[in-house]
């Protein structure tokens, strides 16, 4: 799902789809489903690493700003792990 949203943003040249659709959906559903934010960050790390393996430097220069925005949205500063604290 994250990969699809990321590619849509890249193709449109606009990050608003992630900001307006993906982020609110994740913020609403993941805590209710007890998905840990660290799992999301690990997935994003692997997604970014694997994607960059297939891109030439010029393509990486286009991809990375979008990926960095996505990474920052789910950073520990925005979503600290709180599931253990709530129990």
PDB file of N, CA and C in Angstrom:
ATOM      1  N   UNK A   1       0.824  -1.181   0.000  1.00  0.00           N
ATOM      2  CA  UNK A   1       0.000   0.000   0.000  1.00  0.00           C
ATOM      3  C   UNK A   1       0.877   1.257   0.000  1.00  0.00           C
ATOM      4  N   UNK A   2       1.898   1.276   0.845  1.00  0.00           N
ATOM      5  CA  UNK A   2       2.785   2.426   0.916  1.00  0.00           C
ATOM      6  C   UNK A   2       3.488   2.643  -0.417  1.00  0.00           C
ATOM      7  N   UNK A   3       3.911   1.550  -1.028  1.00  0.00           N
ATOM      8  CA  UNK A   3       4.621   1.644  -2.294  1.00  0.00           C
ATOM      9  C   UNK A   3       3.711   2.224  -3.381  1.00  0.00           C
ATOM     10  N   UNK A   4       2.481   1.800  -3.423  1.00  0.00           N
ATOM     11  CA  UNK A   4       1.540   2.313  -4.422  1.00  0.00           C
ATOM     12  C   UNK A   4       1.328   3.808  -4.232  1.00  0.00           C
ATOM     13  N   UNK A   5       1.085   4.227  -3.001  1.00  0.00           N
ATOM     14  CA  UNK A   5       0.892   5.648  -2.736  1.00  0.00           C
ATOM     15  C   UNK A   5       2.143   6.445  -3.099  1.00  0.00           C
ATOM     16  N   UNK A   6       3.298   5.905  -2.790  1.00  0.00           N
ATOM     17  CA  UNK A   6       4.545   6.600  -3.091  1.00  0.00           C
ATOM     18  C   UNK A   6       4.709   6.787  -4.602  1.00  0.00           C
ATOM     19  N   UNK A   7       4.430   5.741  -5.374  1.00  0.00           N
ATOM     20  CA  UNK A   7       4.564   5.845  -6.835  1.00  0.00           C
ATOM     21  C   UNK A   7       3.518   6.776  -7.432  1.00  0.00           C
ATOM     22  N   UNK A   8       2.309   6.779  -6.896  1.00  0.00           N
ATOM     23  CA  UNK A   8       1.291   7.718  -7.380  1.00  0.00           C
ATOM     24  C   UNK A   8       1.770   9.152  -7.172  1.00  0.00           C
ATOM     25  N   UNK A   9       2.315   9.419  -6.008  1.00  0.00           N
ATOM     26  CA  UNK A   9       2.826  10.769  -5.723  1.00  0.00           C
ATOM     27  C   UNK A   9       3.956  11.141  -6.667  1.00  0.00           C
ATOM     28  N   UNK A  10       4.858  10.203  -6.891  1.00  0.00           N
ATOM     29  CA  UNK A  10       5.959  10.471  -7.816  1.00  0.00           C
ATOM     30  C   UNK A  10       5.446  10.768  -9.222  1.00  0.00           C
ATOM     31  N   UNK A  11       4.516   9.967  -9.704  1.00  0.00           N
ATOM     32  CA  UNK A  11       3.985  10.158 -11.046  1.00  0.00           C
ATOM     33  C   UNK A  11       3.221  11.470 -11.181  1.00  0.00           C
ATOM     34  N   UNK A  12       2.508  11.846 -10.122  1.00  0.00           N
ATOM     35  CA  UNK A  12       1.753  13.097 -10.156  1.00  0.00           C
ATOM     36  C   UNK A  12       2.621  14.304  -9.810  1.00  0.00           C
ATOM     37  N   UNK A  13       3.786  14.049  -9.217  1.00  0.00           N
ATOM     38  CA  UNK A  13       4.646  15.154  -8.795  1.00  0.00           C
ATOM     39  C   UNK A  13       4.054  15.921  -7.625  1.00  0.00           C
ATOM     40  N   UNK A  14       3.323  15.202  -6.758  1.00  0.00           N
ATOM     41  CA  UNK A  14       2.597  15.855  -5.678  1.00  0.00           C
ATOM     42  C   UNK A  14       2.455  14.878  -4.511  1.00  0.00           C
ATOM     43  N   UNK A  15       2.824  15.304  -3.330  1.00  0.00           N
ATOM     44  CA  UNK A  15       2.794  14.444  -2.137  1.00  0.00           C
ATOM     45  C   UNK A  15       1.426  14.452  -1.449  1.00  0.00           C
ATOM     46  N   UNK A  16       0.482  15.211  -1.971  1.00  0.00           N
ATOM     47  CA  UNK A  16      -0.793  15.395  -1.269  1.00  0.00           C
ATOM     48  C   UNK A  16      -1.586  14.103  -1.073  1.00  0.00           C
ATOM     49  N   UNK A  17      -1.447  13.124  -1.956  1.00  0.00           N
ATOM     50  CA  UNK A  17      -2.194  11.872  -1.798  1.00  0.00           C
ATOM     51  C   UNK A  17      -1.787  11.176  -0.496  1.00  0.00           C
ATOM     52  N   UNK A  18      -0.500  11.185  -0.210  1.00  0.00           N
ATOM     53  CA  UNK A  18      -0.031  10.581   1.045  1.00  0.00           C
ATOM     54  C   UNK A  18      -0.514  11.396   2.230  1.00  0.00           C
ATOM     55  N   UNK A  19      -0.402  12.693   2.126  1.00  0.00           N
ATOM     56  CA  UNK A  19      -0.813  13.563   3.227  1.00  0.00           C
ATOM     57  C   UNK A  19      -2.301  13.479   3.520  1.00  0.00           C
ATOM     58  N   UNK A  20      -3.115  13.412   2.481  1.00  0.00           N
ATOM     59  CA  UNK A  20      -4.565  13.481   2.654  1.00  0.00           C
ATOM     60  C   UNK A  20      -5.250  12.131   2.766  1.00  0.00           C
ATOM     61  N   UNK A  21      -4.613  11.064   2.284  1.00  0.00           N
ATOM     62  CA  UNK A  21      -5.267   9.759   2.299  1.00  0.00           C
ATOM     63  C   UNK A  21      -4.526   8.724   3.152  1.00  0.00           C
ATOM     64  N   UNK A  22      -3.278   8.449   2.805  1.00  0.00           N
ATOM     65  CA  UNK A  22      -2.541   7.382   3.485  1.00  0.00           C
ATOM     66  C   UNK A  22      -2.289   7.705   4.955  1.00  0.00           C
ATOM     67  N   UNK A  23      -1.781   8.883   5.227  1.00  0.00           N
ATOM     68  CA  UNK A  23      -1.431   9.240   6.596  1.00  0.00           C
ATOM     69  C   UNK A  23      -2.643   9.185   7.535  1.00  0.00           C
ATOM     70  N   UNK A  24      -3.756   9.836   7.208  1.00  0.00           N
ATOM     71  CA  UNK A  24      -4.914   9.757   8.118  1.00  0.00           C
ATOM     72  C   UNK A  24      -5.437   8.333   8.299  1.00  0.00           C
ATOM     73  N   UNK A  25      -5.424   7.550   7.223  1.00  0.00           N
ATOM     74  CA  UNK A  25      -5.884   6.171   7.309  1.00  0.00           C
ATOM     75  C   UNK A  25      -5.020   5.361   8.270  1.00  0.00           C
ATOM     76  N   UNK A  26      -3.713   5.500   8.140  1.00  0.00           N
ATOM     77  CA  UNK A  26      -2.793   4.778   9.030  1.00  0.00           C
ATOM     78  C   UNK A  26      -2.926   5.258  10.472  1.00  0.00           C
ATOM     79  N   UNK A  27      -3.030   6.564  10.654  1.00  0.00           N
ATOM     80  CA  UNK A  27      -3.156   7.119  12.006  1.00  0.00           C
ATOM     81  C   UNK A  27      -4.427   6.635  12.695  1.00  0.00           C
ATOM     82  N   UNK A  28      -5.457   6.370  11.929  1.00  0.00           N
ATOM     83  CA  UNK A  28      -6.720   5.904  12.494  1.00  0.00           C
ATOM     84  C   UNK A  28      -6.705   4.388  12.731  1.00  0.00           C
ATOM     85  N   UNK A  29      -6.236   3.626  11.754  1.00  0.00           N
ATOM     86  CA  UNK A  29      -6.359   2.172  11.820  1.00  0.00           C
ATOM     87  C   UNK A  29      -5.262   1.467  12.617  1.00  0.00           C
ATOM     88  N   UNK A  30      -4.025   1.878  12.464  1.00  0.00           N
ATOM     89  CA  UNK A  30      -2.922   1.117  13.059  1.00  0.00           C
ATOM     90  C   UNK A  30      -2.990   1.026  14.577  1.00  0.00           C
ATOM     91  N   UNK A  31      -3.293   2.095  15.291  1.00  0.00           N
ATOM     92  CA  UNK A  31      -3.411   1.931  16.752  1.00  0.00           C
ATOM     93  C   UNK A  31      -4.541   0.972  17.144  1.00  0.00           C
ATOM     94  N   UNK A  32      -5.662   1.043  16.453  1.00  0.00           N
ATOM     95  CA  UNK A  32      -6.777   0.146  16.761  1.00  0.00           C
ATOM     96  C   UNK A  32      -6.414  -1.311  16.467  1.00  0.00           C
ATOM     97  N   UNK A  33      -5.571  -1.515  15.469  1.00  0.00           N
ATOM     98  CA  UNK A  33      -5.144  -2.868  15.101  1.00  0.00           C
ATOM     99  C   UNK A  33      -3.884  -3.300  15.856  1.00  0.00           C
ATOM    100  N   UNK A  34      -3.404  -2.427  16.722  1.00  0.00           N
ATOM    101  CA  UNK A  34      -2.208  -2.683  17.540  1.00  0.00           C
ATOM    102  C   UNK A  34      -0.949  -2.916  16.682  1.00  0.00           C
ATOM    103  N   UNK A  35      -0.882  -2.219  15.562  1.00  0.00           N
ATOM    104  CA  UNK A  35       0.315  -2.253  14.719  1.00  0.00           C
ATOM    105  C   UNK A  35       1.325  -1.296  15.332  1.00  0.00           C
ATOM    106  N   UNK A  36       2.496  -1.780  15.602  1.00  0.00           N
ATOM    107  CA  UNK A  36       3.527  -0.941  16.201  1.00  0.00           C
ATOM    108  C   UNK A  36       4.154  -0.058  15.135  1.00  0.00           C
ATOM    109  N   UNK A  37       4.386   1.192  15.504  1.00  0.00           N
ATOM    110  CA  UNK A  37       4.959   2.150  14.555  1.00  0.00           C
ATOM    111  C   UNK A  37       6.368   1.752  14.146  1.00  0.00           C
ATOM    112  N   UNK A  38       7.078   1.085  15.017  1.00  0.00           N
ATOM    113  CA  UNK A  38       8.424   0.643  14.660  1.00  0.00           C
ATOM    114  C   UNK A  38       8.377  -0.349  13.494  1.00  0.00           C
ATOM    115  N   UNK A  39       7.350  -1.173  13.433  1.00  0.00           N
ATOM    116  CA  UNK A  39       7.189  -2.091  12.306  1.00  0.00           C
ATOM    117  C   UNK A  39       7.014  -1.303  11.000  1.00  0.00           C
ATOM    118  N   UNK A  40       6.251  -0.229  11.062  1.00  0.00           N
ATOM    119  CA  UNK A  40       6.051   0.617   9.883  1.00  0.00           C
ATOM    120  C   UNK A  40       7.370   1.255   9.469  1.00  0.00           C
ATOM    121  N   UNK A  41       8.140   1.728  10.435  1.00  0.00           N
ATOM    122  CA  UNK A  41       9.432   2.345  10.115  1.00  0.00           C
ATOM    123  C   UNK A  41      10.401   1.328   9.528  1.00  0.00           C
ATOM    124  N   UNK A  42      10.391   0.108  10.026  1.00  0.00           N
ATOM    125  CA  UNK A  42      11.247  -0.931   9.455  1.00  0.00           C
ATOM    126  C   UNK A  42      10.833  -1.236   8.014  1.00  0.00           C
ATOM    127  N   UNK A  43       9.536  -1.318   7.786  1.00  0.00           N
ATOM    128  CA  UNK A  43       9.037  -1.564   6.437  1.00  0.00           C
ATOM    129  C   UNK A  43       9.432  -0.430   5.495  1.00  0.00           C
ATOM    130  N   UNK A  44       9.300   0.811   5.962  1.00  0.00           N
ATOM    131  CA  UNK A  44       9.684   1.949   5.137  1.00  0.00           C
ATOM    132  C   UNK A  44      11.174   1.944   4.834  1.00  0.00           C
ATOM    133  N   UNK A  45      11.969   1.602   5.833  1.00  0.00           N
ATOM    134  CA  UNK A  45      13.418   1.518   5.625  1.00  0.00           C
ATOM    135  C   UNK A  45      13.733   0.514   4.517  1.00  0.00           C
ATOM    136  N   UNK A  46      13.132  -0.664   4.593  1.00  0.00           N
ATOM    137  CA  UNK A  46      13.371  -1.694   3.580  1.00  0.00           C
ATOM    138  C   UNK A  46      12.834  -1.280   2.212  1.00  0.00           C
ATOM    139  N   UNK A  47      11.689  -0.631   2.189  1.00  0.00           N
ATOM    140  CA  UNK A  47      11.120  -0.150   0.931  1.00  0.00           C
ATOM    141  C   UNK A  47      12.056   0.856   0.268  1.00  0.00           C
ATOM    142  N   UNK A  48      12.552   1.792   1.039  1.00  0.00           N
ATOM    143  CA  UNK A  48      13.464   2.796   0.494  1.00  0.00           C
ATOM    144  C   UNK A  48      14.763   2.189   0.011  1.00  0.00           C
ATOM    145  N   UNK A  49      15.315   1.295   0.808  1.00  0.00           N
ATOM    146  CA  UNK A  49      16.575   0.644   0.451  1.00  0.00           C
ATOM    147  C   UNK A  49      16.422  -0.188  -0.817  1.00  0.00           C
ATOM    148  N   UNK A  50      15.384  -0.999  -0.868  1.00  0.00           N
ATOM    149  CA  UNK A  50      15.174  -1.870  -2.026  1.00  0.00           C
ATOM    150  C   UNK A  50      14.868  -1.052  -3.283  1.00  0.00           C
ATOM    151  N   UNK A  51      14.063  -0.022  -3.156  1.00  0.00           N
ATOM    152  CA  UNK A  51      13.739   0.808  -4.313  1.00  0.00           C
ATOM    153  C   UNK A  51      14.993   1.472  -4.867  1.00  0.00           C
ATOM    154  N   UNK A  52      15.818   2.021  -3.993  1.00  0.00           N
ATOM    155  CA  UNK A  52      17.035   2.694  -4.442  1.00  0.00           C
ATOM    156  C   UNK A  52      18.001   1.732  -5.129  1.00  0.00           C
ATOM    157  N   UNK A  53      17.940   0.451  -4.795  1.00  0.00           N
ATOM    158  CA  UNK A  53      18.789  -0.538  -5.462  1.00  0.00           C
ATOM    159  C   UNK A  53      18.489  -0.633  -6.956  1.00  0.00           C
ATOM    160  N   UNK A  54      17.281  -0.265  -7.362  1.00  0.00           N
ATOM    161  CA  UNK A  54      16.863  -0.401  -8.753  1.00  0.00           C
ATOM    162  C   UNK A  54      16.868   0.928  -9.513  1.00  0.00           C
ATOM    163  N   UNK A  55      17.203   2.003  -8.831  1.00  0.00           N
ATOM    164  CA  UNK A  55      17.177   3.315  -9.470  1.00  0.00           C
ATOM    165  C   UNK A  55      18.591   3.810  -9.753  1.00  0.00           C
ATOM    166  N   UNK A  56      18.745   4.469 -10.890  1.00  0.00           N
ATOM    167  CA  UNK A  56      20.017   5.135 -11.183  1.00  0.00           C
ATOM    168  C   UNK A  56      20.047   6.431 -10.372  1.00  0.00           C
ATOM    169  N   UNK A  57      21.228   7.022 -10.182  1.00  0.00           N
ATOM    170  CA  UNK A  57      21.321   8.222  -9.338  1.00  0.00           C
ATOM    171  C   UNK A  57      20.346   9.343  -9.700  1.00  0.00           C
ATOM    172  N   UNK A  58      20.105   9.565 -10.963  1.00  0.00           N
ATOM    173  CA  UNK A  58      19.170  10.624 -11.363  1.00  0.00           C
ATOM    174  C   UNK A  58      17.750  10.311 -10.881  1.00  0.00           C
ATOM    175  N   UNK A  59      17.372   9.041 -10.970  1.00  0.00           N
ATOM    176  CA  UNK A  59      16.048   8.626 -10.499  1.00  0.00           C
ATOM    177  C   UNK A  59      15.960   8.696  -8.977  1.00  0.00           C
ATOM    178  N   UNK A  60      17.063   8.358  -8.304  1.00  0.00           N
ATOM    179  CA  UNK A  60      17.087   8.452  -6.844  1.00  0.00           C
ATOM    180  C   UNK A  60      16.882   9.894  -6.398  1.00  0.00           C
ATOM    181  N   UNK A  61      17.438  10.840  -7.143  1.00  0.00           N
ATOM    182  CA  UNK A  61      17.276  12.254  -6.810  1.00  0.00           C
ATOM    183  C   UNK A  61      15.815  12.689  -6.886  1.00  0.00           C
ATOM    184  N   UNK A  62      15.055  12.059  -7.760  1.00  0.00           N
ATOM    185  CA  UNK A  62      13.619  12.350  -7.866  1.00  0.00           C
ATOM    186  C   UNK A  62      12.849  11.633  -6.759  1.00  0.00           C
ATOM    187  N   UNK A  63      13.214  10.383  -6.500  1.00  0.00           N
ATOM    188  CA  UNK A  63      12.513   9.540  -5.542  1.00  0.00           C
ATOM    189  C   UNK A  63      12.708   9.982  -4.088  1.00  0.00           C
ATOM    190  N   UNK A  64      13.942  10.293  -3.712  1.00  0.00           N
ATOM    191  CA  UNK A  64      14.271  10.504  -2.300  1.00  0.00           C
ATOM    192  C   UNK A  64      13.497  11.627  -1.607  1.00  0.00           C
ATOM    193  N   UNK A  65      13.245  12.775  -2.240  1.00  0.00           N
ATOM    194  CA  UNK A  65      12.448  13.787  -1.519  1.00  0.00           C
ATOM    195  C   UNK A  65      11.057  13.296  -1.120  1.00  0.00           C
ATOM    196  N   UNK A  66      10.420  12.527  -1.979  1.00  0.00           N
ATOM    197  CA  UNK A  66       9.101  11.976  -1.661  1.00  0.00           C
ATOM    198  C   UNK A  66       9.213  10.941  -0.544  1.00  0.00           C
ATOM    199  N   UNK A  67      10.223  10.106  -0.645  1.00  0.00           N
ATOM    200  CA  UNK A  67      10.426   9.085   0.381  1.00  0.00           C
ATOM    201  C   UNK A  67      10.741   9.728   1.732  1.00  0.00           C
ATOM    202  N   UNK A  68      11.538  10.769   1.736  1.00  0.00           N
ATOM    203  CA  UNK A  68      11.896  11.438   2.993  1.00  0.00           C
ATOM    204  C   UNK A  68      10.675  12.049   3.669  1.00  0.00           C
ATOM    205  N   UNK A  69       9.760  12.595   2.892  1.00  0.00           N
ATOM    206  CA  UNK A  69       8.517  13.124   3.478  1.00  0.00           C
ATOM    207  C   UNK A  69       7.729  11.990   4.113  1.00  0.00           C
ATOM    208  N   UNK A  70       7.621  10.883   3.408  1.00  0.00           N
ATOM    209  CA  UNK A  70       6.909   9.718   3.948  1.00  0.00           C
ATOM    210  C   UNK A  70       7.594   9.226   5.217  1.00  0.00           C
ATOM    211  N   UNK A  71       8.907   9.144   5.206  1.00  0.00           N
ATOM    212  CA  UNK A  71       9.679   8.700   6.367  1.00  0.00           C
ATOM    213  C   UNK A  71       9.431   9.624   7.565  1.00  0.00           C
ATOM    214  N   UNK A  72       9.442  10.914   7.327  1.00  0.00           N
ATOM    215  CA  UNK A  72       9.242  11.883   8.415  1.00  0.00           C
ATOM    216  C   UNK A  72       7.833  11.795   8.998  1.00  0.00           C
ATOM    217  N   UNK A  73       6.846  11.474   8.172  1.00  0.00           N
ATOM    218  CA  UNK A  73       5.465  11.356   8.656  1.00  0.00           C
ATOM    219  C   UNK A  73       5.310  10.267   9.707  1.00  0.00           C
ATOM    220  N   UNK A  74       6.111   9.228   9.593  1.00  0.00           N
ATOM    221  CA  UNK A  74       5.991   8.087  10.504  1.00  0.00           C
ATOM    222  C   UNK A  74       7.200   7.982  11.436  1.00  0.00           C
ATOM    223  N   UNK A  75       7.867   9.101  11.637  1.00  0.00           N
ATOM    224  CA  UNK A  75       9.056   9.126  12.496  1.00  0.00           C
ATOM    225  C   UNK A  75       8.665   8.941  13.967  1.00  0.00           C
ATOM    226  N   UNK A  76       9.641   8.591  14.809  1.00  0.00           N
ATOM    227  CA  UNK A  76       9.355   8.458  16.247  1.00  0.00           C
ATOM    228  C   UNK A  76       8.872   9.763  16.881  1.00  0.00           C
ATOM    229  N   UNK A  77       9.233  10.888  16.291  1.00  0.00           N
ATOM    230  CA  UNK A  77       8.767  12.174  16.823  1.00  0.00           C
ATOM    231  C   UNK A  77       7.267  12.349  16.607  1.00  0.00           C
ATOM    232  N   UNK A  78       6.765  11.794  15.516  1.00  0.00           N
ATOM    233  CA  UNK A  78       5.337  11.897  15.211  1.00  0.00           C
ATOM    234  C   UNK A  78       4.565  10.761  15.878  1.00  0.00           C
ATOM    235  N   UNK A  79       5.098   9.543  15.785  1.00  0.00           N
ATOM    236  CA  UNK A  79       4.437   8.369  16.352  1.00  0.00           C
ATOM    237  C   UNK A  79       5.399   7.604  17.260  1.00  0.00           C
ATOM    238  N   UNK A  80       5.532   8.049  18.497  1.00  0.00           N
ATOM    239  CA  UNK A  80       6.356   7.259  19.427  1.00  0.00           C
ATOM    240  C   UNK A  80       5.632   5.957  19.765  1.00  0.00           C
ATOM    241  N   UNK A  81       6.399   4.961  20.132  1.00  0.00           N
ATOM    242  CA  UNK A  81       5.784   3.704  20.553  1.00  0.00           C
ATOM    243  C   UNK A  81       5.059   3.943  21.862  1.00  0.00           C
ATOM    244  N   UNK A  82       3.766   3.688  21.871  1.00  0.00           N
ATOM    245  CA  UNK A  82       2.978   3.912  23.080  1.00  0.00           C
ATOM    246  C   UNK A  82       2.141   2.698  23.460  1.00  0.00           C
ATOM    247  N   UNK A  83       2.164   1.653  22.661  1.00  0.00           N
ATOM    248  CA  UNK A  83       1.306   0.508  22.965  1.00  0.00           C
ATOM    249  C   UNK A  83       1.646  -0.112  24.317  1.00  0.00           C
ATOM    250  N   UNK A  84       2.936  -0.205  24.655  1.00  0.00           N
ATOM    251  CA  UNK A  84       3.324  -0.768  25.944  1.00  0.00           C
ATOM    252  C   UNK A  84       2.871   0.128  27.084  1.00  0.00           C
ATOM    253  N   UNK A  85       2.910   1.452  26.852  1.00  0.00           N
ATOM    254  CA  UNK A  85       2.510   2.402  27.896  1.00  0.00           C
ATOM    255  C   UNK A  85       1.018   2.357  28.170  1.00  0.00           C
ATOM    256  N   UNK A  86       0.213   2.016  27.144  1.00  0.00           N
ATOM    257  CA  UNK A  86      -1.238   2.009  27.303  1.00  0.00           C
ATOM    258  C   UNK A  86      -1.739   0.788  28.072  1.00  0.00           C
ATOM    259  N   UNK A  87      -0.951  -0.301  28.061  1.00  0.00           N
ATOM    260  CA  UNK A  87      -1.411  -1.544  28.682  1.00  0.00           C
ATOM    261  C   UNK A  87      -1.218  -1.536  30.113  1.00  0.00           C
TER     262      UNK A  87
END
